[in-house]
Amino acid sequence: MFLFKLINQPNTMKIITNFIALSMLLLTFSCDKEFANDSNASKTINPAALTTTPKKFLFDATKAETAGNADWVLDADTSPQRLPTPLQSNITATTPETYWKGGISSWGIALVKLGHTVETLPSGTAITYGGTGAQDLKNYDVYVVDEPNIKFTTAEKTALINFVKNGGGLFMISNHSGSDRNNDGFDSVQIWNDLMTTNSVKTNPFGFSINSISFSETTSNRLSATTNPILNGSQGTVTQLKYSAGASITTNATANPTVQGLIWRGTSSQGSSNVMCATATYGTGRVVVIGDSSPADDGTGASGDTLYPGWTELVSHSRLHLNGSLWLAKL
C-alpha cells in the first residue's frame, strides 16, 4: 500500500519518467557508439560464429616450420614464442592481418576475432599429452601443425594420437613431395605418413595417407552435401581450393570408416583417391587434413622469406580453414 501511494505521488512519477528517458538516451548512445566503432565488423567476422565458450588453439612451431622459405607460424617477429605479440587481447574486429607478422597470422587473428585464444608451441618444446606442463595438449581444444619438417618422436606420436582419441582436434597440413626445407632427409609427406604408420597406438588411426607427388590445380570438385559443416559452415560456403604445388590424399575407409573426402582434383571421381581435403573422427576427436600449405599462406612473414597471399587468393581458402577449425573445436 505504501509503495502504491509513493508511485502515485506527482514528484515521484516525474522522477521515474525522467529516469526512464535518461536510460533510453544512454542506451541509444551506447548502441550508436558500438556500431560506429564496429562499422567494418561484418567485413571481418561472422557474428553467428561468436561463442560464449572460447576455445584454445595451439599452433606448432617445434617442427622447423620456419626453415628455409617456410613461415608457417602466427608471429615471426622473433623466434616464435608462446604468445604472439602485440597482445591478442587488443585485437578488434578491424585489426589488420599485419598486426602479427607470420605466414599464417591471418588465420590466428581471424580466430581471435571470433572470440577464441591462440598460442604457439615454441621450438625446443616437446609435444605432450596428459602431462603437467602448461602447454600440454590436454589444455587445448585444437592443435594445428602446418607442414612439419622434423619427424615426431615416438612419445610425440603417442601424444598426438591419444589427444585426438580423447576428444582433441588436429589440423594436419602437408605439402608436396620434396618439401624438405631443413634438409634433414624428411619432407612433410613422409613425416605425416610416419605418424600414421609407425606409432604405438594404432596403425592408420585416421584412415588416410598422403601421396609423394606434387601438382598445382584449382578445383571446384567438392562434396555436394549442403549440410557439411566445413564446406557450408558459419564462415561461408567453400566452392574452390587451389593447390600451388601440393600432394593428394588417399582415404581408406577400412582403416577408419569415418574418413571422408571433401574436395577432389577437378577431373577425378569423388572416390578414395585424388583427394585434396578430407576429415575423419577417431575416438571422440576429429581430424582435418589438407595436402598443401599455400591456401593458408597470407603472404606476410619474416624478412627474406618469399610468401604468397593464398589466404586471400580465393575467398574459399579462409572459409575452409576457419570452418575446419571451428568443426575441430566442436562448434
Protein backbone atom coordinates (compact mmCIF):
# COMPACT_ATOMS: atom_id res chain seq x y z
CA MET A 1 0.00 0.00 0.00
CA PHE A 2 2.86 2.36 0.85
CA LEU A 3 4.53 1.59 -2.49
CA PHE A 4 1.29 2.29 -4.34
CA LYS A 5 0.91 5.67 -2.67
CA LEU A 6 4.54 6.54 -3.30
CA ILE A 7 4.31 5.80 -7.00
CA ASN A 8 1.20 7.89 -7.33
CA GLN A 9 2.86 11.00 -5.88
CA PRO A 10 3.39 13.65 -8.67
CA ASN A 11 7.03 14.21 -7.84
CA THR A 12 7.74 10.50 -7.74
CA MET A 13 6.16 9.93 -11.13
CA LYS A 14 8.17 12.79 -12.58
CA ILE A 15 11.41 11.30 -11.25
CA ILE A 16 10.57 7.87 -12.67
CA THR A 17 9.65 9.37 -16.05
CA ASN A 18 12.90 11.34 -16.23
CA PHE A 19 14.92 8.28 -15.20
CA ILE A 20 13.39 6.15 -17.95
CA ALA A 21 14.00 8.86 -20.55
CA LEU A 22 17.62 9.25 -19.48
CA SER A 23 18.16 5.47 -19.55
CA MET A 24 16.81 5.23 -23.09
CA LEU A 25 19.05 8.08 -24.21
CA LEU A 26 22.15 6.44 -22.73
CA LEU A 27 21.26 3.08 -24.27
CA THR A 28 20.79 4.65 -27.70
CA PHE A 29 24.11 6.47 -27.45
CA SER A 30 25.87 3.32 -26.32
CA CYS A 31 24.48 1.29 -29.20
CA ASP A 32 25.28 4.00 -31.74
CA LYS A 33 28.83 4.22 -30.45
CA GLU A 34 29.28 0.43 -30.53
CA PHE A 35 28.10 0.17 -34.13
CA ALA A 36 30.19 3.16 -35.14
CA ASN A 37 33.31 1.57 -33.71
CA ASP A 38 32.43 -1.77 -35.31
CA SER A 39 31.35 -0.49 -38.73
CA ASN A 40 33.62 -2.96 -40.52
CA ALA A 41 32.80 -5.95 -38.32
CA SER A 42 30.58 -7.59 -40.93
CA LYS A 43 33.51 -7.49 -43.33
CA THR A 44 35.88 -9.29 -40.99
CA ILE A 45 33.88 -11.71 -38.86
CA ASN A 46 30.63 -13.57 -38.93
CA PRO A 47 28.73 -12.70 -35.71
CA ALA A 48 26.87 -16.01 -35.94
CA ALA A 49 30.13 -17.80 -35.14
CA LEU A 50 30.83 -15.87 -31.93
CA THR A 51 30.73 -18.13 -28.91
CA THR A 52 30.35 -17.64 -25.20
CA THR A 53 32.67 -20.59 -24.69
CA PRO A 54 36.06 -19.57 -26.13
CA LYS A 55 38.23 -22.38 -27.44
CA LYS A 56 42.00 -22.65 -27.23
CA PHE A 57 44.01 -23.21 -30.40
CA LEU A 58 47.68 -24.22 -30.26
CA PHE A 59 49.86 -23.75 -33.37
CA ASP A 60 53.00 -25.86 -33.66
CA ALA A 61 56.43 -24.28 -34.16
CA THR A 62 58.54 -27.23 -32.99
CA LYS A 63 58.95 -28.95 -36.37
CA ALA A 64 61.03 -26.41 -38.32
CA GLU A 65 58.00 -24.53 -39.61
CA THR A 66 60.26 -21.55 -40.33
CA ALA A 67 63.05 -23.48 -42.07
CA GLY A 68 64.16 -22.29 -45.48
CA ASN A 69 61.47 -20.30 -47.20
CA ALA A 70 58.72 -21.50 -44.83
CA ASP A 71 56.96 -19.25 -42.36
CA TRP A 72 54.09 -21.32 -41.01
CA VAL A 73 53.77 -19.53 -37.67
CA LEU A 74 51.48 -16.91 -36.12
CA ASP A 75 54.19 -14.38 -35.41
CA ALA A 76 57.67 -14.24 -36.94
CA ASP A 77 58.91 -11.08 -35.21
CA THR A 78 61.46 -13.20 -33.35
CA SER A 79 61.85 -16.92 -32.81
CA PRO A 80 58.20 -17.98 -32.43
CA GLN A 81 57.19 -17.59 -28.80
CA ARG A 82 54.25 -18.91 -26.84
CA LEU A 83 52.18 -15.72 -27.01
CA PRO A 84 52.36 -13.72 -30.23
CA THR A 85 52.95 -10.00 -29.87
CA PRO A 86 51.38 -7.46 -29.69
CA LEU A 87 48.80 -8.88 -27.27
CA GLN A 88 45.80 -10.62 -28.75
CA SER A 89 43.60 -9.02 -26.10
CA ASN A 90 43.92 -5.78 -28.08
CA ILE A 91 42.60 -7.28 -31.31
CA THR A 92 39.31 -5.81 -32.51
CA ALA A 93 37.05 -6.52 -35.45
CA THR A 94 39.05 -4.12 -37.62
CA THR A 95 42.58 -5.22 -36.66
CA PRO A 96 44.60 -5.87 -39.85
CA GLU A 97 46.44 -9.11 -40.54
CA THR A 98 49.75 -7.22 -40.30
CA TYR A 99 49.19 -6.87 -36.54
CA TRP A 100 51.25 -10.09 -36.38
CA LYS A 101 53.96 -10.96 -38.87
CA GLY A 102 53.76 -14.64 -39.60
CA GLY A 103 52.81 -16.64 -42.68
CA ILE A 104 49.58 -17.83 -41.03
CA SER A 105 48.88 -14.78 -38.87
CA SER A 106 45.62 -14.12 -40.73
CA TRP A 107 44.34 -17.48 -39.54
CA GLY A 108 45.22 -16.76 -35.93
CA ILE A 109 43.84 -13.22 -35.94
CA ALA A 110 40.59 -14.44 -37.50
CA LEU A 111 40.16 -16.96 -34.67
CA VAL A 112 40.77 -14.29 -32.06
CA LYS A 113 38.15 -12.08 -33.73
CA LEU A 114 35.72 -14.94 -33.30
CA GLY A 115 36.33 -14.91 -29.54
CA HIS A 116 38.97 -17.63 -29.19
CA THR A 117 42.57 -17.65 -27.98
CA VAL A 118 45.65 -18.76 -29.89
CA GLU A 119 49.12 -19.80 -28.76
CA THR A 120 52.31 -21.17 -30.27
CA LEU A 121 54.21 -24.24 -29.10
CA PRO A 122 57.77 -22.88 -29.38
CA SER A 123 60.74 -24.63 -30.95
CA GLY A 124 62.50 -26.91 -28.48
CA THR A 125 59.27 -27.77 -26.63
CA ALA A 126 58.15 -31.40 -26.59
CA ILE A 127 54.64 -32.29 -27.71
CA THR A 128 52.99 -33.98 -24.71
CA TYR A 129 49.55 -35.16 -23.72
CA GLY A 130 48.40 -35.99 -20.20
CA GLY A 131 51.35 -34.31 -18.55
CA THR A 132 51.69 -31.40 -16.14
CA GLY A 133 53.20 -28.81 -18.46
CA ALA A 134 51.42 -25.53 -19.13
CA GLN A 135 51.35 -26.30 -22.86
CA ASP A 136 50.41 -29.95 -22.59
CA LEU A 137 47.83 -30.77 -25.28
CA LYS A 138 45.21 -31.53 -22.64
CA ASN A 139 44.99 -27.77 -22.09
CA TYR A 140 43.87 -27.08 -25.68
CA ASP A 141 40.93 -27.85 -27.92
CA VAL A 142 42.69 -27.83 -31.30
CA TYR A 143 46.30 -28.40 -32.37
CA VAL A 144 47.39 -27.00 -35.75
CA VAL A 145 50.51 -28.40 -37.42
CA ASP A 146 51.29 -26.71 -40.73
CA GLU A 147 53.90 -28.51 -42.83
CA PRO A 148 56.14 -30.23 -40.24
CA ASN A 149 59.79 -30.66 -41.29
CA ILE A 150 61.08 -32.70 -38.35
CA LYS A 151 59.81 -36.20 -37.55
CA PHE A 152 57.67 -36.67 -34.47
CA THR A 153 59.34 -38.69 -31.73
CA THR A 154 57.78 -41.93 -30.55
CA ALA A 155 56.42 -40.18 -27.47
CA GLU A 156 55.06 -37.31 -29.54
CA LYS A 157 53.24 -39.67 -31.89
CA THR A 158 51.56 -41.30 -28.91
CA ALA A 159 50.65 -37.89 -27.52
CA LEU A 160 49.13 -36.67 -30.80
CA ILE A 161 47.03 -39.75 -31.46
CA ASN A 162 45.78 -40.01 -27.87
CA PHE A 163 44.96 -36.30 -27.89
CA VAL A 164 42.60 -36.90 -30.81
CA LYS A 165 41.33 -40.19 -29.40
CA ASN A 166 40.27 -38.44 -26.20
CA GLY A 167 38.45 -35.55 -27.85
CA GLY A 168 41.03 -33.17 -29.31
CA GLY A 169 41.03 -31.63 -32.77
CA LEU A 170 44.06 -31.97 -35.07
CA PHE A 171 44.51 -29.81 -38.18
CA MET A 172 47.09 -31.52 -40.41
CA ILE A 173 48.66 -29.62 -43.31
CA SER A 174 51.15 -31.25 -45.65
CA ASN A 175 52.94 -30.02 -48.75
CA HIS A 176 54.32 -31.50 -51.96
CA SER A 177 56.94 -34.24 -52.10
CA GLY A 178 60.44 -32.90 -51.71
CA SER A 179 59.39 -30.10 -49.35
CA ASP A 180 62.30 -30.90 -47.03
CA ARG A 181 63.06 -27.32 -46.04
CA ASN A 182 65.63 -28.10 -43.36
CA ASN A 183 67.40 -30.79 -45.43
CA ASP A 184 67.18 -33.49 -42.77
CA GLY A 185 66.01 -36.14 -45.24
CA PHE A 186 62.29 -35.97 -44.40
CA ASP A 187 59.59 -33.88 -46.04
CA SER A 188 56.12 -33.19 -44.66
CA VAL A 189 54.56 -36.03 -46.67
CA GLN A 190 56.92 -38.59 -45.15
CA ILE A 191 56.55 -37.13 -41.67
CA TRP A 192 52.76 -37.31 -41.64
CA ASN A 193 52.75 -40.82 -43.08
CA ASP A 194 55.31 -41.89 -40.47
CA LEU A 195 52.98 -40.66 -37.72
CA MET A 196 50.13 -42.77 -39.06
CA THR A 197 52.04 -45.95 -39.91
CA THR A 198 54.64 -46.16 -37.14
CA ASN A 199 53.16 -45.44 -33.75
CA SER A 200 52.37 -47.31 -30.54
CA VAL A 201 48.61 -46.65 -30.55
CA LYS A 202 47.01 -47.75 -33.84
CA THR A 203 48.10 -48.17 -37.44
CA ASN A 204 46.47 -45.57 -39.67
CA PRO A 205 44.10 -44.31 -36.98
CA PHE A 206 42.66 -41.55 -39.16
CA GLY A 207 42.16 -43.61 -42.30
CA PHE A 208 44.25 -41.81 -44.91
CA SER A 209 47.74 -41.43 -46.34
CA ILE A 210 49.43 -38.62 -48.25
CA ASN A 211 50.93 -39.30 -51.66
CA SER A 212 54.51 -38.38 -52.59
CA ILE A 213 53.63 -36.25 -55.57
CA SER A 214 53.44 -32.56 -56.48
CA PHE A 215 50.79 -30.83 -58.54
CA SER A 216 49.18 -27.42 -58.90
CA GLU A 217 45.49 -27.07 -59.63
CA THR A 218 42.36 -25.08 -58.86
CA THR A 219 39.32 -27.28 -58.38
CA SER A 220 35.62 -26.88 -57.76
CA ASN A 221 35.11 -30.64 -57.37
CA ARG A 222 33.70 -30.62 -53.86
CA LEU A 223 31.30 -32.79 -51.93
CA SER A 224 27.80 -31.76 -52.92
CA ALA A 225 26.23 -32.26 -49.49
CA THR A 226 24.88 -28.89 -48.34
CA THR A 227 24.92 -29.91 -44.68
CA ASN A 228 28.65 -30.50 -44.39
CA PRO A 229 29.81 -28.13 -41.60
CA ILE A 230 33.19 -27.42 -43.19
CA LEU A 231 32.10 -26.81 -46.77
CA ASN A 232 28.95 -25.00 -45.62
CA GLY A 233 29.91 -23.56 -42.25
CA SER A 234 29.32 -20.34 -40.35
CA GLN A 235 32.24 -18.63 -42.11
CA GLY A 236 30.76 -19.15 -45.56
CA THR A 237 30.45 -21.69 -48.35
CA VAL A 238 33.61 -23.30 -49.73
CA THR A 239 33.39 -23.60 -53.50
CA GLN A 240 37.05 -23.92 -54.59
CA LEU A 241 40.50 -24.98 -53.46
CA LYS A 242 43.76 -24.04 -55.15
CA TYR A 243 46.96 -26.07 -54.75
CA SER A 244 50.23 -24.37 -55.60
CA ALA A 245 52.41 -27.49 -55.51
CA GLY A 246 50.70 -29.85 -53.10
CA ALA A 247 50.19 -33.56 -52.52
CA SER A 248 46.99 -35.56 -52.89
CA ILE A 249 45.46 -37.74 -50.21
CA THR A 250 44.18 -41.32 -50.40
CA THR A 251 41.45 -42.31 -47.98
CA ASN A 252 40.99 -45.79 -46.51
CA ALA A 253 37.55 -46.50 -45.07
CA THR A 254 38.66 -49.95 -43.98
CA ALA A 255 41.19 -48.40 -41.61
CA ASN A 256 38.69 -45.76 -40.42
CA PRO A 257 35.06 -45.88 -41.62
CA THR A 258 34.53 -42.20 -40.73
CA VAL A 259 37.10 -40.81 -43.15
CA GLN A 260 35.51 -38.57 -45.76
CA GLY A 261 36.86 -36.73 -48.75
CA LEU A 262 35.60 -33.18 -49.08
CA ILE A 263 37.43 -31.86 -52.15
CA TRP A 264 38.99 -33.72 -55.10
CA ARG A 265 41.08 -32.91 -58.15
CA GLY A 266 38.91 -31.43 -60.87
CA THR A 267 38.72 -34.42 -63.22
CA SER A 268 38.56 -37.07 -60.51
CA SER A 269 35.56 -39.07 -59.37
CA GLN A 270 34.65 -38.47 -55.74
CA GLY A 271 36.25 -41.65 -54.51
CA SER A 272 39.16 -42.57 -52.28
CA SER A 273 41.94 -41.19 -54.49
CA ASN A 274 42.95 -37.72 -55.70
CA VAL A 275 41.55 -36.16 -52.53
CA MET A 276 42.74 -32.64 -51.68
CA CYS A 277 40.99 -32.17 -48.34
CA ALA A 278 39.50 -34.77 -46.01
CA THR A 279 38.18 -35.25 -42.49
CA ALA A 280 37.89 -38.11 -40.03
CA THR A 281 36.93 -38.79 -36.45
CA TYR A 282 38.90 -41.03 -34.13
CA GLY A 283 37.67 -41.88 -30.66
CA THR A 284 35.91 -38.71 -29.58
CA GLY A 285 38.24 -36.38 -31.50
CA ARG A 286 38.41 -35.01 -35.03
CA VAL A 287 40.96 -34.50 -37.81
CA VAL A 288 41.14 -32.24 -40.86
CA VAL A 289 43.86 -32.78 -43.48
CA ILE A 290 44.89 -30.61 -46.46
CA GLY A 291 47.76 -31.54 -48.79
CA ASP A 292 49.15 -28.03 -49.42
CA SER A 293 50.27 -25.17 -47.17
CA SER A 294 49.71 -22.49 -49.81
CA PRO A 295 45.97 -21.87 -49.11
CA ALA A 296 46.78 -20.87 -45.50
CA ASP A 297 49.68 -18.60 -46.50
CA ASP A 298 48.74 -14.95 -46.02
CA GLY A 299 51.79 -13.54 -47.79
CA THR A 300 53.48 -11.96 -44.78
CA GLY A 301 56.28 -13.20 -42.57
CA ALA A 302 59.92 -12.89 -41.67
CA SER A 303 62.11 -10.62 -43.78
CA GLY A 304 63.67 -12.51 -46.66
CA ASP A 305 61.00 -15.21 -47.00
CA THR A 306 59.12 -15.41 -50.27
CA LEU A 307 55.47 -15.89 -49.41
CA TYR A 308 52.24 -15.72 -51.39
CA PRO A 309 48.74 -14.47 -50.47
CA GLY A 310 46.95 -17.80 -50.67
CA TRP A 311 44.63 -16.88 -47.79
CA THR A 312 43.03 -14.13 -49.86
CA GLU A 313 43.71 -15.53 -53.33
CA LEU A 314 40.40 -17.38 -53.19
CA VAL A 315 37.70 -16.40 -50.70
CA SER A 316 37.10 -20.12 -50.10
CA HIS A 317 40.55 -20.57 -48.54
CA SER A 318 39.87 -18.63 -45.36
CA ARG A 319 36.41 -20.16 -45.15
CA LEU A 320 37.81 -23.68 -45.43
CA HIS A 321 40.40 -23.19 -42.70
CA LEU A 322 38.09 -21.35 -40.33
CA ASN A 323 35.14 -23.69 -40.80
CA GLY A 324 37.56 -26.58 -40.31
CA SER A 325 38.96 -25.01 -37.15
CA LEU A 326 35.51 -24.50 -35.66
CA TRP A 327 34.47 -28.03 -36.57
CA LEU A 328 37.56 -29.42 -34.87
CA ALA A 329 36.70 -27.38 -31.78
CA LYS A 330 33.20 -28.90 -31.88
CA LEU A 331 31.44 -25.59 -32.52
